[in-house]
Protein backbone atom coordinates (compact mmCIF):
# COMPACT_ATOMS: atom_id res chain seq x y z
CA MET A 1 -72.19 -25.94 -153.42
CA LEU A 2 -73.30 -23.42 -155.95
CA LYS A 3 -75.12 -24.38 -159.49
CA THR A 4 -76.62 -22.21 -162.05
CA GLU A 5 -78.79 -23.39 -165.12
CA GLY A 6 -79.72 -21.26 -167.90
CA LEU A 7 -78.58 -18.10 -166.06
CA THR A 8 -79.16 -14.98 -168.31
CA LEU A 9 -78.45 -11.26 -167.66
CA HIS A 10 -79.53 -8.16 -169.44
CA TYR A 11 -78.19 -4.42 -169.14
CA GLY A 12 -81.04 -2.41 -170.37
CA GLY A 13 -81.90 -3.90 -173.85
CA SER A 14 -78.67 -5.66 -174.05
CA GLN A 15 -78.08 -9.53 -173.14
CA ILE A 16 -74.92 -10.03 -171.60
CA LEU A 17 -75.32 -13.54 -170.40
CA ASN A 18 -76.56 -16.33 -172.38
CA GLY A 19 -77.78 -19.40 -170.68
CA ILE A 20 -74.72 -20.14 -168.18
CA ASP A 21 -74.68 -23.60 -166.86
CA LEU A 22 -71.95 -23.71 -163.98
CA GLU A 23 -71.37 -25.89 -160.93
CA ALA A 24 -68.92 -24.83 -158.19
CA ARG A 25 -68.04 -27.45 -155.69
CA ALA A 26 -66.69 -27.07 -151.90
CA GLY A 27 -62.89 -27.71 -151.89
CA VAL A 28 -62.70 -26.82 -155.69
CA VAL A 29 -61.32 -23.76 -157.39
CA THR A 30 -63.58 -23.13 -160.41
CA CYS A 31 -61.90 -20.60 -163.13
CA ILE A 32 -63.75 -18.39 -165.31
CA MET A 33 -61.66 -17.18 -168.21
CA GLY A 34 -62.03 -15.38 -171.40
CA THR A 35 -61.05 -12.02 -173.08
CA ASN A 36 -62.25 -8.67 -171.93
CA GLY A 37 -65.95 -7.94 -172.39
CA VAL A 38 -67.23 -11.65 -172.63
CA GLY A 39 -69.24 -11.32 -169.26
CA LYS A 40 -66.75 -12.65 -166.59
CA THR A 41 -67.53 -9.79 -163.99
CA SER A 42 -71.27 -9.82 -165.04
CA LEU A 43 -71.55 -13.38 -164.15
CA LEU A 44 -69.96 -12.78 -160.64
CA LYS A 45 -72.36 -9.74 -160.38
CA ALA A 46 -75.45 -11.82 -161.09
CA LEU A 47 -74.19 -14.60 -158.58
CA ALA A 48 -73.51 -11.92 -156.02
CA GLY A 49 -76.69 -10.18 -156.50
CA THR A 50 -75.17 -6.74 -157.24
CA HIS A 51 -76.99 -7.04 -160.64
CA PRO A 52 -80.27 -9.10 -160.75
CA ARG A 53 -80.20 -11.98 -163.08
CA SER A 54 -82.82 -11.86 -165.89
CA GLY A 55 -83.53 -15.67 -165.93
CA GLY A 56 -82.46 -19.21 -165.19
CA ALA A 57 -81.95 -20.88 -161.99
CA VAL A 58 -79.60 -20.58 -159.13
CA THR A 59 -79.02 -23.32 -156.49
CA LEU A 60 -76.85 -22.81 -153.33
CA ASP A 61 -76.08 -25.86 -151.01
CA GLY A 62 -79.25 -27.53 -152.35
CA GLU A 63 -81.37 -24.44 -152.00
CA ALA A 64 -83.11 -23.14 -155.15
CA LEU A 65 -82.66 -19.17 -154.72
CA PRO A 66 -84.85 -16.52 -156.09
CA VAL A 67 -83.71 -13.35 -157.51
CA LEU A 68 -81.91 -11.55 -154.37
CA PRO A 69 -80.33 -8.32 -153.52
CA ALA A 70 -76.64 -8.38 -152.76
CA GLN A 71 -77.05 -8.31 -148.80
CA ALA A 72 -79.44 -11.29 -148.89
CA MET A 73 -76.78 -13.18 -151.20
CA ALA A 74 -74.25 -12.36 -148.59
CA ARG A 75 -76.39 -13.71 -145.65
CA ARG A 76 -76.96 -16.91 -147.74
CA GLY A 77 -73.03 -17.36 -147.88
CA LEU A 78 -71.71 -15.55 -150.89
CA ALA A 79 -68.63 -13.27 -150.48
CA VAL A 80 -67.34 -11.25 -153.35
CA VAL A 81 -63.74 -9.83 -153.68
CA PRO A 82 -64.61 -7.39 -156.38
CA GLN A 83 -62.24 -6.06 -159.26
CA GLY A 84 -60.60 -2.74 -157.92
CA ARG A 85 -60.92 -4.16 -154.29
CA MET A 86 -63.70 -1.58 -152.99
CA ILE A 87 -62.11 -1.29 -149.51
CA PHE A 88 -63.20 1.71 -147.24
CA PRO A 89 -60.37 4.20 -147.90
CA LEU A 90 -61.20 6.32 -144.80
CA LEU A 91 -61.58 3.56 -142.36
CA THR A 92 -58.69 1.90 -140.62
CA VAL A 93 -57.37 -1.60 -141.70
CA THR A 94 -58.96 -3.04 -138.43
CA GLU A 95 -62.20 -1.27 -139.10
CA ASN A 96 -62.43 -2.58 -142.71
CA LEU A 97 -61.95 -6.10 -141.31
CA GLN A 98 -64.78 -5.44 -138.76
CA THR A 99 -67.18 -4.67 -141.50
CA GLY A 100 -67.35 -8.38 -142.18
CA PHE A 101 -69.07 -8.69 -138.59
CA SER A 102 -72.36 -7.39 -140.05
CA LEU A 103 -73.18 -11.01 -141.07
CA LEU A 104 -72.25 -12.66 -137.96
CA PRO A 105 -73.75 -13.11 -134.39
CA LYS A 106 -72.55 -10.68 -131.79
CA SER A 107 -70.55 -13.48 -130.11
CA GLU A 108 -68.32 -13.95 -133.27
CA HIS A 109 -67.32 -10.23 -133.49
CA LYS A 110 -63.50 -11.16 -133.26
CA ILE A 111 -60.90 -11.18 -136.04
CA PRO A 112 -59.64 -14.59 -136.19
CA ASP A 113 -55.84 -15.36 -135.60
CA GLU A 114 -56.08 -17.18 -139.02
CA ILE A 115 -56.54 -13.85 -140.74
CA TYR A 116 -53.37 -12.39 -139.22
CA GLU A 117 -51.48 -15.58 -139.80
CA LEU A 118 -52.37 -15.58 -143.39
CA PHE A 119 -51.83 -11.70 -143.91
CA PRO A 120 -49.30 -10.55 -141.15
CA VAL A 121 -48.99 -7.12 -142.97
CA LEU A 122 -52.85 -6.41 -141.75
CA LYS A 123 -51.82 -6.82 -137.99
CA ASP A 124 -48.97 -4.59 -138.66
CA MET A 125 -50.97 -1.94 -140.23
CA GLY A 126 -54.21 -2.18 -138.37
CA HIS A 127 -54.31 1.54 -137.50
CA ARG A 128 -53.63 2.88 -140.91
CA ARG A 129 -56.46 4.04 -143.19
CA GLY A 130 -57.35 1.68 -146.01
CA GLY A 131 -56.81 4.29 -148.69
CA ASP A 132 -53.02 4.67 -147.56
CA LEU A 133 -52.30 0.96 -148.41
CA SER A 134 -50.59 -0.12 -151.55
CA GLY A 135 -52.62 -1.98 -154.08
CA GLY A 136 -51.45 -5.37 -152.97
CA GLN A 137 -52.02 -4.60 -149.39
CA GLN A 138 -55.45 -3.56 -150.24
CA GLN A 139 -56.12 -6.71 -152.15
CA GLN A 140 -54.96 -8.80 -148.92
CA LEU A 141 -57.45 -6.70 -147.07
CA ALA A 142 -60.18 -7.26 -149.32
CA ILE A 143 -59.70 -11.09 -149.34
CA ALA A 144 -59.27 -11.14 -145.60
CA ARG A 145 -62.64 -9.05 -144.99
CA ALA A 146 -64.38 -11.54 -147.34
CA MET A 147 -62.87 -14.65 -145.28
CA ILE A 148 -64.42 -13.07 -142.00
CA MET A 149 -67.87 -13.51 -143.39
CA ARG A 150 -67.22 -17.32 -143.42
CA PRO A 151 -68.66 -17.72 -146.70
CA LYS A 152 -69.85 -21.09 -148.48
CA VAL A 153 -68.75 -19.46 -151.71
CA LEU A 154 -66.04 -16.91 -152.38
CA LEU A 155 -66.10 -14.91 -155.46
CA LEU A 156 -62.67 -13.64 -156.67
CA ASP A 157 -62.74 -11.08 -159.50
CA GLU A 158 -59.19 -10.55 -160.71
CA PRO A 159 -57.20 -10.83 -157.75
CA THR A 160 -53.74 -10.33 -159.39
CA GLU A 161 -54.62 -7.51 -161.34
CA GLY A 162 -52.02 -4.47 -160.75
CA ILE A 163 -50.45 -6.57 -157.91
CA GLN A 164 -46.66 -6.93 -157.49
CA PRO A 165 -45.35 -10.69 -158.04
CA ASN A 166 -44.63 -11.43 -154.41
CA ILE A 167 -48.15 -10.58 -153.29
CA ILE A 168 -49.49 -12.60 -155.99
CA GLN A 169 -47.57 -15.61 -154.70
CA GLN A 170 -49.00 -15.07 -151.34
CA ILE A 171 -52.62 -14.72 -152.77
CA GLY A 172 -52.04 -18.04 -154.48
CA ARG A 173 -51.16 -19.56 -151.16
CA VAL A 174 -54.19 -18.40 -149.39
CA ILE A 175 -56.34 -19.59 -152.07
CA GLU A 176 -54.52 -23.06 -151.88
CA TYR A 177 -55.14 -22.89 -148.06
CA LEU A 178 -58.88 -22.26 -148.43
CA LYS A 179 -59.33 -24.99 -150.92
CA ALA A 180 -57.49 -27.38 -148.69
CA LYS A 181 -59.99 -26.79 -145.83
CA GLY A 182 -62.80 -28.36 -148.13
CA ASN A 183 -65.62 -26.29 -146.86
CA MET A 184 -65.67 -23.52 -149.38
CA ALA A 185 -66.38 -23.30 -153.06
CA ILE A 186 -64.10 -20.78 -154.87
CA ILE A 187 -64.86 -19.10 -158.11
CA LEU A 188 -62.00 -17.16 -159.64
CA VAL A 189 -62.21 -14.91 -162.34
CA GLU A 190 -58.58 -14.39 -163.78
CA GLN A 191 -56.85 -13.40 -166.91
CA TYR A 192 -53.15 -14.20 -165.70
CA PHE A 193 -52.84 -17.40 -167.28
CA ASP A 194 -50.23 -19.09 -165.29
CA PHE A 195 -52.01 -18.10 -161.96
CA ALA A 196 -55.30 -19.39 -162.98
CA TYR A 197 -53.80 -22.65 -164.55
CA ALA A 198 -51.70 -23.58 -161.52
CA LEU A 199 -54.53 -23.03 -159.07
CA GLY A 200 -57.77 -24.18 -161.12
CA ASP A 201 -59.48 -27.50 -160.78
CA GLU A 202 -62.40 -26.65 -163.20
CA PHE A 203 -62.21 -24.45 -166.16
CA HIS A 204 -65.01 -22.57 -168.08
CA VAL A 205 -64.04 -20.17 -170.85
CA LEU A 206 -66.72 -17.66 -171.86
CA ARG A 207 -67.28 -16.17 -175.42
CA ARG A 208 -69.92 -13.62 -176.19
CA GLY A 209 -71.57 -14.27 -172.70
CA ALA A 210 -71.85 -17.97 -173.13
CA VAL A 211 -69.60 -21.08 -171.90
CA HIS A 212 -67.96 -22.44 -175.07
CA PHE A 213 -65.36 -24.50 -173.35
CA SER A 214 -65.37 -26.41 -170.08
CA HIS A 215 -62.67 -28.99 -168.60
CA ALA A 216 -61.57 -30.35 -165.53
CA ARG A 217 -57.66 -29.74 -164.59
CA GLU A 218 -56.99 -33.40 -164.99
CA GLY A 219 -56.02 -34.24 -168.60
CA LEU A 220 -55.94 -30.43 -169.58
CA SER A 221 -52.85 -29.28 -171.07
CA ARG A 222 -51.70 -25.77 -171.05
CA GLU A 223 -51.68 -25.69 -174.77
CA ALA A 224 -55.39 -26.95 -174.94
CA LEU A 225 -56.49 -24.27 -172.65
CA GLN A 226 -54.65 -21.52 -174.40
CA GLU A 227 -56.04 -22.65 -177.59
CA ALA A 228 -59.67 -22.37 -176.10
CA LEU A 229 -58.92 -18.84 -174.97
CA SER A 230 -57.83 -17.85 -178.40
CA ILE A 231 -60.70 -19.01 -180.37
């Protein structure tokens, strides 16, 4: 579904990503792991178009993409749930969800029942402002808003950060559900080891802006992945 070859990214005069080769397939959770500052969030920004890549190739669903801004990448089928969630605090929950309609034809401007089945709290709190929700509820809202866009690729940046355990479990179940549907590639940036290891199908560990370890879930022990993260 999504493939990068030799992707590089600069912030000013500093090179942040150094030749990233990555492939994310539909129905697969691709985990990007590593310590703070290795370029995980920068990689998602380069994919989402919120920071233009400096070089390398990106292919989406078989189509080579030029460097595009975030809105154009969203229209091509990439949806991002950013670190910090970035919901609209003064809009209601329902209005936040409706912002996902911007990429859909008018005939599809309806919140699917699936959203409320996966996140029932959002239906109960539809009239409340987004800024009044707890962190866990905001995270659910951010994921639901991305789902409404019907993406080909879902980018999740630290979805468990600052979230209570019961909500983490629910988010895990939603990711499993989306994976099982088989029509979406999921790229998960995550530092919570147990969460990532339980959900991931492919693992890529970044170090100094480059991939220094890649392995499929099959045959990968917890110890081997932890060792790769500690080097």
